[in-house]
């Protein structure tokens, strides 16, 4: 787990829960923009990914280990005694939603970017084949999920960096995959159990990884008195890495700054995204 502190008077702390297959190092742009605009950032590699144990790459014993990490990062964020927010991306969004369905968490707002509640329908036959084989192989047998870098973003610079990124996960275990599928179904079923909180939801309409119609269910099922919503035409799964990422960041900062203002912090009108 790492901390990045803003050099300005802090208005809040953002805990980032990253996506499947990736790691903290891919969030330099987001972290820089948050710090530049007065927010501390706390983030770490999820279990089985990034710089975590090599022997457990692409594997977790159970989904609760994700919850434990997020709760610990939130506990550390709360020590600053200023508003705490969670930014969940893809798998990170699934983890956070599932956690909020089970316990009340001390945060002032939730931001979801392309939350992974179901894989895109075009991957259904591949998914069904994988699941049908799970009972026939050892749970720690690894396989390629079938998601390419080009499925994630249209940003050529990010594509190039990601292809050369040795920390990107190439394979996951059947056990991991089966757990994720089960948690997706459970989470969608219990979205109405989440206690009301300010919510930002954004995704790309050309998402090649997650099912857009399932993400849209969050709008109607998660109770909130403050909803920021944007479905980005033409954008892929990683909206925060797309060529339009400055615009995406403006929405994130608008959500955070309005919340900070409501909590008594002085907020400047200009968002520094350049």
C-alpha atoms as a PDB file:
ATOM      1  CA  UNK A   1       0.000   0.000   0.000  1.00  0.00           C
ATOM      2  CA  UNK A   2       1.233   3.501  -0.860  1.00  0.00           C
ATOM      3  CA  UNK A   3       0.253   7.065   0.055  1.00  0.00           C
ATOM      4  CA  UNK A   4       0.516  10.100  -2.193  1.00  0.00           C
ATOM      5  CA  UNK A   5      -0.173  13.356  -0.389  1.00  0.00           C
ATOM      6  CA  UNK A   6      -1.241  16.595  -2.011  1.00  0.00           C
ATOM      7  CA  UNK A   7       1.025  19.607  -1.530  1.00  0.00           C
ATOM      8  CA  UNK A   8      -2.071  21.789  -1.161  1.00  0.00           C
ATOM      9  CA  UNK A   9      -4.502  21.990   1.742  1.00  0.00           C
ATOM     10  CA  UNK A  10      -6.169  18.592   1.563  1.00  0.00           C
ATOM     11  CA  UNK A  11      -9.923  18.466   0.906  1.00  0.00           C
ATOM     12  CA  UNK A  12     -10.222  14.705   1.083  1.00  0.00           C
ATOM     13  CA  UNK A  13      -8.595  11.312   0.673  1.00  0.00           C
ATOM     14  CA  UNK A  14      -9.292   9.021  -2.290  1.00  0.00           C
ATOM     15  CA  UNK A  15      -8.815   5.274  -1.875  1.00  0.00           C
ATOM     16  CA  UNK A  16      -8.399   3.627  -5.288  1.00  0.00           C
ATOM     17  CA  UNK A  17      -9.354  -0.011  -5.889  1.00  0.00           C
ATOM     18  CA  UNK A  18      -7.904  -1.030  -9.256  1.00  0.00           C
ATOM     19  CA  UNK A  19      -9.123  -3.402 -11.950  1.00  0.00           C
ATOM     20  CA  UNK A  20      -8.405  -7.067 -12.728  1.00  0.00           C
ATOM     21  CA  UNK A  21      -5.070  -8.048 -14.331  1.00  0.00           C
ATOM     22  CA  UNK A  22      -3.392  -4.698 -13.551  1.00  0.00           C
ATOM     23  CA  UNK A  23      -1.594  -2.842 -10.752  1.00  0.00           C
ATOM     24  CA  UNK A  24      -1.049   0.495  -9.012  1.00  0.00           C
ATOM     25  CA  UNK A  25       1.609   1.685 -11.458  1.00  0.00           C
ATOM     26  CA  UNK A  26      -1.002   2.245 -14.176  1.00  0.00           C
ATOM     27  CA  UNK A  27      -2.644   5.078 -12.196  1.00  0.00           C
ATOM     28  CA  UNK A  28       0.047   7.752 -12.393  1.00  0.00           C
ATOM     29  CA  UNK A  29      -2.196  10.128 -14.367  1.00  0.00           C
ATOM     30  CA  UNK A  30      -5.194   9.766 -12.031  1.00  0.00           C
ATOM     31  CA  UNK A  31      -3.032  10.098  -8.904  1.00  0.00           C
ATOM     32  CA  UNK A  32      -1.280  13.189 -10.282  1.00  0.00           C
ATOM     33  CA  UNK A  33      -4.589  14.900 -11.113  1.00  0.00           C
ATOM     34  CA  UNK A  34      -6.080  14.134  -7.700  1.00  0.00           C
ATOM     35  CA  UNK A  35      -3.009  15.420  -5.835  1.00  0.00           C
ATOM     36  CA  UNK A  36      -2.860  18.521  -8.006  1.00  0.00           C
ATOM     37  CA  UNK A  37      -6.437  19.311  -7.037  1.00  0.00           C
ATOM     38  CA  UNK A  38      -6.051  18.872  -3.292  1.00  0.00           C
ATOM     39  CA  UNK A  39      -6.644  15.185  -2.593  1.00  0.00           C
ATOM     40  CA  UNK A  40      -4.446  12.623  -0.887  1.00  0.00           C
ATOM     41  CA  UNK A  41      -4.440   9.189  -2.535  1.00  0.00           C
ATOM     42  CA  UNK A  42      -4.128   5.763  -0.918  1.00  0.00           C
ATOM     43  CA  UNK A  43      -3.751   2.710  -3.117  1.00  0.00           C
ATOM     44  CA  UNK A  44      -2.158  -0.712  -3.207  1.00  0.00           C
ATOM     45  CA  UNK A  45      -1.988  -3.749  -5.443  1.00  0.00           C
ATOM     46  CA  UNK A  46      -4.898  -6.114  -4.939  1.00  0.00           C
ATOM     47  CA  UNK A  47      -4.034  -9.635  -3.706  1.00  0.00           C
ATOM     48  CA  UNK A  48      -2.673 -11.820  -6.504  1.00  0.00           C
ATOM     49  CA  UNK A  49      -1.798  -8.847  -8.718  1.00  0.00           C
ATOM     50  CA  UNK A  50       1.024  -6.378  -9.272  1.00  0.00           C
ATOM     51  CA  UNK A  51       3.863  -6.646  -6.763  1.00  0.00           C
ATOM     52  CA  UNK A  52       2.098  -9.155  -4.512  1.00  0.00           C
ATOM     53  CA  UNK A  53       3.440 -12.693  -4.036  1.00  0.00           C
ATOM     54  CA  UNK A  54       4.568 -14.298  -7.301  1.00  0.00           C
ATOM     55  CA  UNK A  55       3.300 -17.719  -6.292  1.00  0.00           C
ATOM     56  CA  UNK A  56      -0.243 -16.400  -5.911  1.00  0.00           C
ATOM     57  CA  UNK A  57      -0.513 -14.452  -9.149  1.00  0.00           C
ATOM     58  CA  UNK A  58      -4.052 -14.584 -10.473  1.00  0.00           C
ATOM     59  CA  UNK A  59      -5.305 -16.430  -7.404  1.00  0.00           C
ATOM     60  CA  UNK A  60      -7.107 -15.653  -4.133  1.00  0.00           C
ATOM     61  CA  UNK A  61      -8.292 -18.054  -1.451  1.00  0.00           C
ATOM     62  CA  UNK A  62     -11.632 -16.277  -1.169  1.00  0.00           C
ATOM     63  CA  UNK A  63     -13.212 -12.952  -2.120  1.00  0.00           C
ATOM     64  CA  UNK A  64     -13.079 -11.684   1.477  1.00  0.00           C
ATOM     65  CA  UNK A  65      -9.337 -11.007   1.140  1.00  0.00           C
ATOM     66  CA  UNK A  66     -10.227  -8.184  -1.250  1.00  0.00           C
ATOM     67  CA  UNK A  67     -12.616  -6.734   1.341  1.00  0.00           C
ATOM     68  CA  UNK A  68      -9.926  -6.886   4.011  1.00  0.00           C
ATOM     69  CA  UNK A  69      -7.493  -4.862   1.917  1.00  0.00           C
ATOM     70  CA  UNK A  70     -10.044  -2.186   0.986  1.00  0.00           C
ATOM     71  CA  UNK A  71     -11.203  -1.855   4.599  1.00  0.00           C
ATOM     72  CA  UNK A  72      -7.596  -1.462   5.783  1.00  0.00           C
ATOM     73  CA  UNK A  73      -6.906   1.249   3.204  1.00  0.00           C
ATOM     74  CA  UNK A  74     -10.099   3.062   4.227  1.00  0.00           C
ATOM     75  CA  UNK A  75      -9.071   2.821   7.898  1.00  0.00           C
ATOM     76  CA  UNK A  76      -5.734   4.462   7.063  1.00  0.00           C
ATOM     77  CA  UNK A  77      -7.513   7.148   4.997  1.00  0.00           C
ATOM     78  CA  UNK A  78      -9.856   7.931   7.905  1.00  0.00           C
ATOM     79  CA  UNK A  79      -6.831   8.775  10.061  1.00  0.00           C
ATOM     80  CA  UNK A  80      -6.490  12.048   8.148  1.00  0.00           C
ATOM     81  CA  UNK A  81      -9.822  13.162   9.698  1.00  0.00           C
ATOM     82  CA  UNK A  82     -11.024  14.597   6.384  1.00  0.00           C
ATOM     83  CA  UNK A  83     -13.625  13.161   3.934  1.00  0.00           C
ATOM     84  CA  UNK A  84     -12.752   9.746   2.498  1.00  0.00           C
ATOM     85  CA  UNK A  85     -13.893   8.552  -0.925  1.00  0.00           C
ATOM     86  CA  UNK A  86     -13.456   5.280  -2.789  1.00  0.00           C
ATOM     87  CA  UNK A  87     -12.738   5.104  -6.523  1.00  0.00           C
ATOM     88  CA  UNK A  88     -13.481   1.589  -7.771  1.00  0.00           C
ATOM     89  CA  UNK A  89     -12.390   0.649 -11.286  1.00  0.00           C
ATOM     90  CA  UNK A  90     -13.678  -2.529 -12.976  1.00  0.00           C
ATOM     91  CA  UNK A  91     -12.991  -5.340 -10.503  1.00  0.00           C
ATOM     92  CA  UNK A  92     -12.336  -2.671  -7.854  1.00  0.00           C
ATOM     93  CA  UNK A  93     -15.889  -1.441  -8.393  1.00  0.00           C
ATOM     94  CA  UNK A  94     -17.266  -4.966  -7.963  1.00  0.00           C
ATOM     95  CA  UNK A  95     -15.262  -5.443  -4.750  1.00  0.00           C
ATOM     96  CA  UNK A  96     -16.454  -2.139  -3.287  1.00  0.00           C
ATOM     97  CA  UNK A  97     -20.121  -2.653  -4.173  1.00  0.00           C
ATOM     98  CA  UNK A  98     -20.055  -6.168  -2.707  1.00  0.00           C
ATOM     99  CA  UNK A  99     -18.422  -4.844   0.455  1.00  0.00           C
ATOM    100  CA  UNK A 100     -20.998  -2.051   0.859  1.00  0.00           C
ATOM    101  CA  UNK A 101     -23.791  -4.612   0.560  1.00  0.00           C
ATOM    102  CA  UNK A 102     -22.431  -6.396   3.623  1.00  0.00           C
ATOM    103  CA  UNK A 103     -21.205  -3.651   5.979  1.00  0.00           C
ATOM    104  CA  UNK A 104     -21.460   0.083   6.551  1.00  0.00           C
ATOM    105  CA  UNK A 105     -18.187   1.708   5.531  1.00  0.00           C
ATOM    106  CA  UNK A 106     -17.001   5.156   6.758  1.00  0.00           C
ATOM    107  CA  UNK A 107     -16.773   6.975   3.418  1.00  0.00           C
ATOM    108  CA  UNK A 108     -18.340  10.192   2.137  1.00  0.00           C
ATOM    109  CA  UNK A 109     -18.819   9.045  -1.452  1.00  0.00           C
ATOM    110  CA  UNK A 110     -18.321   6.290  -4.014  1.00  0.00           C
ATOM    111  CA  UNK A 111     -16.963   6.694  -7.549  1.00  0.00           C
ATOM    112  CA  UNK A 112     -17.369   3.802  -9.981  1.00  0.00           C
ATOM    113  CA  UNK A 113     -15.601   3.599 -13.324  1.00  0.00           C
ATOM    114  CA  UNK A 114     -16.778   0.684 -15.513  1.00  0.00           C
ATOM    115  CA  UNK A 115     -17.689  -1.548 -12.536  1.00  0.00           C
ATOM    116  CA  UNK A 116     -17.343  -5.196 -13.496  1.00  0.00           C
ATOM    117  CA  UNK A 117     -20.773  -6.681 -12.720  1.00  0.00           C
ATOM    118  CA  UNK A 118     -20.870  -8.966 -15.756  1.00  0.00           C
ATOM    119  CA  UNK A 119     -18.552  -9.707 -18.637  1.00  0.00           C
ATOM    120  CA  UNK A 120     -19.629  -8.407 -22.017  1.00  0.00           C
ATOM    121  CA  UNK A 121     -22.267 -10.613 -23.656  1.00  0.00           C
ATOM    122  CA  UNK A 122     -20.036 -11.379 -26.666  1.00  0.00           C
ATOM    123  CA  UNK A 123     -17.745 -13.262 -24.270  1.00  0.00           C
ATOM    124  CA  UNK A 124     -20.600 -15.420 -22.998  1.00  0.00           C
ATOM    125  CA  UNK A 125     -19.809 -18.578 -24.975  1.00  0.00           C
ATOM    126  CA  UNK A 126     -16.157 -18.400 -23.879  1.00  0.00           C
ATOM    127  CA  UNK A 127     -17.262 -17.834 -20.292  1.00  0.00           C
ATOM    128  CA  UNK A 128     -19.711 -20.748 -20.336  1.00  0.00           C
ATOM    129  CA  UNK A 129     -17.040 -23.057 -21.730  1.00  0.00           C
ATOM    130  CA  UNK A 130     -14.611 -22.044 -18.994  1.00  0.00           C
ATOM    131  CA  UNK A 131     -17.162 -22.571 -16.241  1.00  0.00           C
ATOM    132  CA  UNK A 132     -18.154 -25.988 -17.602  1.00  0.00           C
ATOM    133  CA  UNK A 133     -14.519 -27.088 -17.372  1.00  0.00           C
ATOM    134  CA  UNK A 134     -13.914 -25.853 -13.825  1.00  0.00           C
ATOM    135  CA  UNK A 135     -14.985 -29.110 -12.224  1.00  0.00           C
ATOM    136  CA  UNK A 136     -12.585 -31.095 -14.384  1.00  0.00           C
ATOM    137  CA  UNK A 137      -9.348 -29.288 -13.525  1.00  0.00           C
ATOM    138  CA  UNK A 138      -7.396 -28.336 -10.410  1.00  0.00           C
ATOM    139  CA  UNK A 139      -8.556 -25.048  -8.908  1.00  0.00           C
ATOM    140  CA  UNK A 140      -5.078 -23.517  -9.229  1.00  0.00           C
ATOM    141  CA  UNK A 141      -4.805 -24.317 -12.959  1.00  0.00           C
ATOM    142  CA  UNK A 142      -4.264 -21.046 -14.814  1.00  0.00           C
ATOM    143  CA  UNK A 143      -5.658 -19.842 -18.127  1.00  0.00           C
ATOM    144  CA  UNK A 144      -5.768 -16.637 -20.181  1.00  0.00           C
ATOM    145  CA  UNK A 145      -8.982 -14.667 -19.690  1.00  0.00           C
ATOM    146  CA  UNK A 146      -8.946 -13.541 -23.320  1.00  0.00           C
ATOM    147  CA  UNK A 147      -8.875  -9.772 -22.739  1.00  0.00           C
ATOM    148  CA  UNK A 148      -6.360  -7.890 -24.880  1.00  0.00           C
ATOM    149  CA  UNK A 149      -4.787  -4.500 -24.238  1.00  0.00           C
ATOM    150  CA  UNK A 150      -6.722  -3.182 -27.229  1.00  0.00           C
ATOM    151  CA  UNK A 151      -9.953  -4.177 -25.454  1.00  0.00           C
ATOM    152  CA  UNK A 152      -9.117  -1.823 -22.610  1.00  0.00           C
ATOM    153  CA  UNK A 153      -8.464   1.506 -24.308  1.00  0.00           C
ATOM    154  CA  UNK A 154      -8.055   3.349 -27.619  1.00  0.00           C
ATOM    155  CA  UNK A 155      -5.137   5.344 -26.213  1.00  0.00           C
ATOM    156  CA  UNK A 156      -2.109   4.264 -28.279  1.00  0.00           C
ATOM    157  CA  UNK A 157       0.377   5.539 -25.699  1.00  0.00           C
ATOM    158  CA  UNK A 158      -1.264   3.513 -22.919  1.00  0.00           C
ATOM    159  CA  UNK A 159      -1.516   0.458 -25.209  1.00  0.00           C
ATOM    160  CA  UNK A 160       2.224   0.610 -25.871  1.00  0.00           C
ATOM    161  CA  UNK A 161       3.108   1.010 -22.196  1.00  0.00           C
ATOM    162  CA  UNK A 162       0.780  -1.804 -21.136  1.00  0.00           C
ATOM    163  CA  UNK A 163       2.136  -4.275 -23.690  1.00  0.00           C
ATOM    164  CA  UNK A 164       5.618  -3.770 -22.224  1.00  0.00           C
ATOM    165  CA  UNK A 165       4.406  -3.871 -18.620  1.00  0.00           C
ATOM    166  CA  UNK A 166       5.862  -6.923 -16.866  1.00  0.00           C
ATOM    167  CA  UNK A 167       3.501  -6.539 -13.905  1.00  0.00           C
ATOM    168  CA  UNK A 168       0.364  -7.015 -15.990  1.00  0.00           C
ATOM    169  CA  UNK A 169      -1.277 -10.323 -15.183  1.00  0.00           C
ATOM    170  CA  UNK A 170      -1.490 -12.739 -18.094  1.00  0.00           C
ATOM    171  CA  UNK A 171      -3.340 -15.648 -16.495  1.00  0.00           C
ATOM    172  CA  UNK A 172      -5.787 -16.323 -13.658  1.00  0.00           C
ATOM    173  CA  UNK A 173      -6.858 -19.545 -11.965  1.00  0.00           C
ATOM    174  CA  UNK A 174     -10.139 -21.325 -12.600  1.00  0.00           C
ATOM    175  CA  UNK A 175     -10.869 -20.919  -8.883  1.00  0.00           C
ATOM    176  CA  UNK A 176     -10.459 -17.116  -9.141  1.00  0.00           C
ATOM    177  CA  UNK A 177     -12.662 -16.928 -12.227  1.00  0.00           C
ATOM    178  CA  UNK A 178     -15.425 -19.027 -10.679  1.00  0.00           C
ATOM    179  CA  UNK A 179     -15.445 -16.831  -7.561  1.00  0.00           C
ATOM    180  CA  UNK A 180     -15.675 -13.653  -9.634  1.00  0.00           C
ATOM    181  CA  UNK A 181     -18.647 -14.986 -11.622  1.00  0.00           C
ATOM    182  CA  UNK A 182     -20.451 -15.985  -8.418  1.00  0.00           C
ATOM    183  CA  UNK A 183     -19.764 -12.631  -6.730  1.00  0.00           C
ATOM    184  CA  UNK A 184     -20.986 -10.740  -9.818  1.00  0.00           C
ATOM    185  CA  UNK A 185     -24.371 -12.487  -9.606  1.00  0.00           C
ATOM    186  CA  UNK A 186     -24.592 -11.990  -5.846  1.00  0.00           C
ATOM    187  CA  UNK A 187     -23.690  -8.307  -6.077  1.00  0.00           C
ATOM    188  CA  UNK A 188     -26.229  -7.483  -8.798  1.00  0.00           C
ATOM    189  CA  UNK A 189     -28.940  -9.216  -6.751  1.00  0.00           C
ATOM    190  CA  UNK A 190     -28.204  -7.190  -3.597  1.00  0.00           C
ATOM    191  CA  UNK A 191     -27.498  -3.680  -4.939  1.00  0.00           C
ATOM    192  CA  UNK A 192     -30.558  -2.356  -3.101  1.00  0.00           C
ATOM    193  CA  UNK A 193     -28.959  -3.379   0.224  1.00  0.00           C
ATOM    194  CA  UNK A 194     -26.361  -0.595  -0.020  1.00  0.00           C
ATOM    195  CA  UNK A 195     -26.952   2.283   2.392  1.00  0.00           C
ATOM    196  CA  UNK A 196     -27.552   5.621   0.599  1.00  0.00           C
ATOM    197  CA  UNK A 197     -24.403   7.570  -0.268  1.00  0.00           C
ATOM    198  CA  UNK A 198     -23.241  10.110  -2.895  1.00  0.00           C
ATOM    199  CA  UNK A 199     -22.439   8.219  -6.090  1.00  0.00           C
ATOM    200  CA  UNK A 200     -20.568   8.830  -9.327  1.00  0.00           C
ATOM    201  CA  UNK A 201     -21.026   6.239 -12.079  1.00  0.00           C
ATOM    202  CA  UNK A 202     -19.233   6.390 -15.431  1.00  0.00           C
ATOM    203  CA  UNK A 203     -18.503   3.930 -18.196  1.00  0.00           C
ATOM    204  CA  UNK A 204     -17.826   3.826 -21.936  1.00  0.00           C
ATOM    205  CA  UNK A 205     -20.624   2.753 -24.259  1.00  0.00           C
ATOM    206  CA  UNK A 206     -18.081   0.841 -26.369  1.00  0.00           C
ATOM    207  CA  UNK A 207     -16.786  -1.148 -23.397  1.00  0.00           C
ATOM    208  CA  UNK A 208     -15.210  -4.355 -24.747  1.00  0.00           C
ATOM    209  CA  UNK A 209     -14.886  -6.032 -21.334  1.00  0.00           C
ATOM    210  CA  UNK A 210     -17.888  -5.317 -19.084  1.00  0.00           C
ATOM    211  CA  UNK A 211     -21.586  -5.504 -19.952  1.00  0.00           C
ATOM    212  CA  UNK A 212     -22.984  -1.968 -20.231  1.00  0.00           C
ATOM    213  CA  UNK A 213     -26.628  -2.852 -19.527  1.00  0.00           C
ATOM    214  CA  UNK A 214     -25.689  -4.497 -16.214  1.00  0.00           C
ATOM    215  CA  UNK A 215     -23.655  -1.453 -15.125  1.00  0.00           C
ATOM    216  CA  UNK A 216     -26.663   0.739 -15.866  1.00  0.00           C
ATOM    217  CA  UNK A 217     -28.676  -1.177 -13.234  1.00  0.00           C
ATOM    218  CA  UNK A 218     -26.650   0.603 -10.550  1.00  0.00           C
ATOM    219  CA  UNK A 219     -28.438   3.877 -11.310  1.00  0.00           C
ATOM    220  CA  UNK A 220     -31.827   2.500 -10.362  1.00  0.00           C
ATOM    221  CA  UNK A 221     -30.860   0.110  -7.587  1.00  0.00           C
ATOM    222  CA  UNK A 222     -28.273   1.908  -5.444  1.00  0.00           C
ATOM    223  CA  UNK A 223     -30.062   4.449  -3.260  1.00  0.00           C
ATOM    224  CA  UNK A 224     -28.547   7.928  -3.422  1.00  0.00           C
ATOM    225  CA  UNK A 225     -29.613  11.557  -3.039  1.00  0.00           C
ATOM    226  CA  UNK A 226     -26.668  12.659  -5.189  1.00  0.00           C
ATOM    227  CA  UNK A 227     -25.910  10.880  -8.459  1.00  0.00           C
ATOM    228  CA  UNK A 228     -23.338  11.886 -11.052  1.00  0.00           C
ATOM    229  CA  UNK A 229     -23.760   9.760 -14.166  1.00  0.00           C
ATOM    230  CA  UNK A 230     -22.052   9.752 -17.529  1.00  0.00           C
ATOM    231  CA  UNK A 231     -22.131   7.101 -20.271  1.00  0.00           C
ATOM    232  CA  UNK A 232     -19.325   8.109 -22.611  1.00  0.00           C
ATOM    233  CA  UNK A 233     -20.068   7.586 -26.306  1.00  0.00           C
ATOM    234  CA  UNK A 234     -17.192   5.869 -28.112  1.00  0.00           C
ATOM    235  CA  UNK A 235     -15.091   5.188 -25.008  1.00  0.00           C
ATOM    236  CA  UNK A 236     -13.765   1.741 -24.032  1.00  0.00           C
ATOM    237  CA  UNK A 237     -13.430   0.027 -20.644  1.00  0.00           C
ATOM    238  CA  UNK A 238     -10.680   2.193 -19.136  1.00  0.00           C
ATOM    239  CA  UNK A 239     -12.398   5.576 -19.395  1.00  0.00           C
ATOM    240  CA  UNK A 240      -9.662   7.094 -17.192  1.00  0.00           C
ATOM    241  CA  UNK A 241      -7.022   6.080 -19.776  1.00  0.00           C
ATOM    242  CA  UNK A 242      -8.878   7.041 -22.947  1.00  0.00           C
ATOM    243  CA  UNK A 243      -7.751   9.949 -25.163  1.00  0.00           C
ATOM    244  CA  UNK A 244     -10.630  11.894 -23.547  1.00  0.00           C
ATOM    245  CA  UNK A 245      -9.317  11.258 -20.041  1.00  0.00           C
ATOM    246  CA  UNK A 246      -9.031  14.974 -19.194  1.00  0.00           C
ATOM    247  CA  UNK A 247     -12.801  15.282 -19.665  1.00  0.00           C
ATOM    248  CA  UNK A 248     -13.372  12.153 -17.583  1.00  0.00           C
ATOM    249  CA  UNK A 249     -11.191  13.603 -14.841  1.00  0.00           C
ATOM    250  CA  UNK A 250     -13.246  16.814 -14.805  1.00  0.00           C
ATOM    251  CA  UNK A 251     -16.331  14.797 -13.870  1.00  0.00           C
ATOM    252  CA  UNK A 252     -14.445  13.058 -11.062  1.00  0.00           C
ATOM    253  CA  UNK A 253     -13.147  16.373  -9.740  1.00  0.00           C
ATOM    254  CA  UNK A 254     -16.584  18.010  -9.980  1.00  0.00           C
ATOM    255  CA  UNK A 255     -18.031  15.222  -7.846  1.00  0.00           C
ATOM    256  CA  UNK A 256     -15.218  15.457  -5.289  1.00  0.00           C
ATOM    257  CA  UNK A 257     -15.144  19.250  -5.159  1.00  0.00           C
ATOM    258  CA  UNK A 258     -18.894  19.572  -4.684  1.00  0.00           C
ATOM    259  CA  UNK A 259     -18.707  17.098  -1.824  1.00  0.00           C
ATOM    260  CA  UNK A 260     -15.714  18.917  -0.338  1.00  0.00           C
ATOM    261  CA  UNK A 261     -17.617  22.214  -0.565  1.00  0.00           C
ATOM    262  CA  UNK A 262     -20.585  20.648   1.212  1.00  0.00           C
ATOM    263  CA  UNK A 263     -18.196  19.537   3.935  1.00  0.00           C
ATOM    264  CA  UNK A 264     -16.956  23.104   4.463  1.00  0.00           C
ATOM    265  CA  UNK A 265     -13.766  23.098   2.393  1.00  0.00           C
ATOM    266  CA  UNK A 266     -12.908  26.022   0.131  1.00  0.00           C
ATOM    267  CA  UNK A 267     -12.926  24.875  -3.492  1.00  0.00           C
ATOM    268  CA  UNK A 268     -11.569  26.808  -6.466  1.00  0.00           C
ATOM    269  CA  UNK A 269     -13.697  26.792  -9.629  1.00  0.00           C
ATOM    270  CA  UNK A 270     -10.896  25.770 -11.986  1.00  0.00           C
ATOM    271  CA  UNK A 271     -10.032  22.078 -12.171  1.00  0.00           C
ATOM    272  CA  UNK A 272      -6.350  21.635 -12.944  1.00  0.00           C
ATOM    273  CA  UNK A 273      -6.368  18.845 -15.484  1.00  0.00           C
ATOM    274  CA  UNK A 274      -3.694  20.124 -17.811  1.00  0.00           C
END
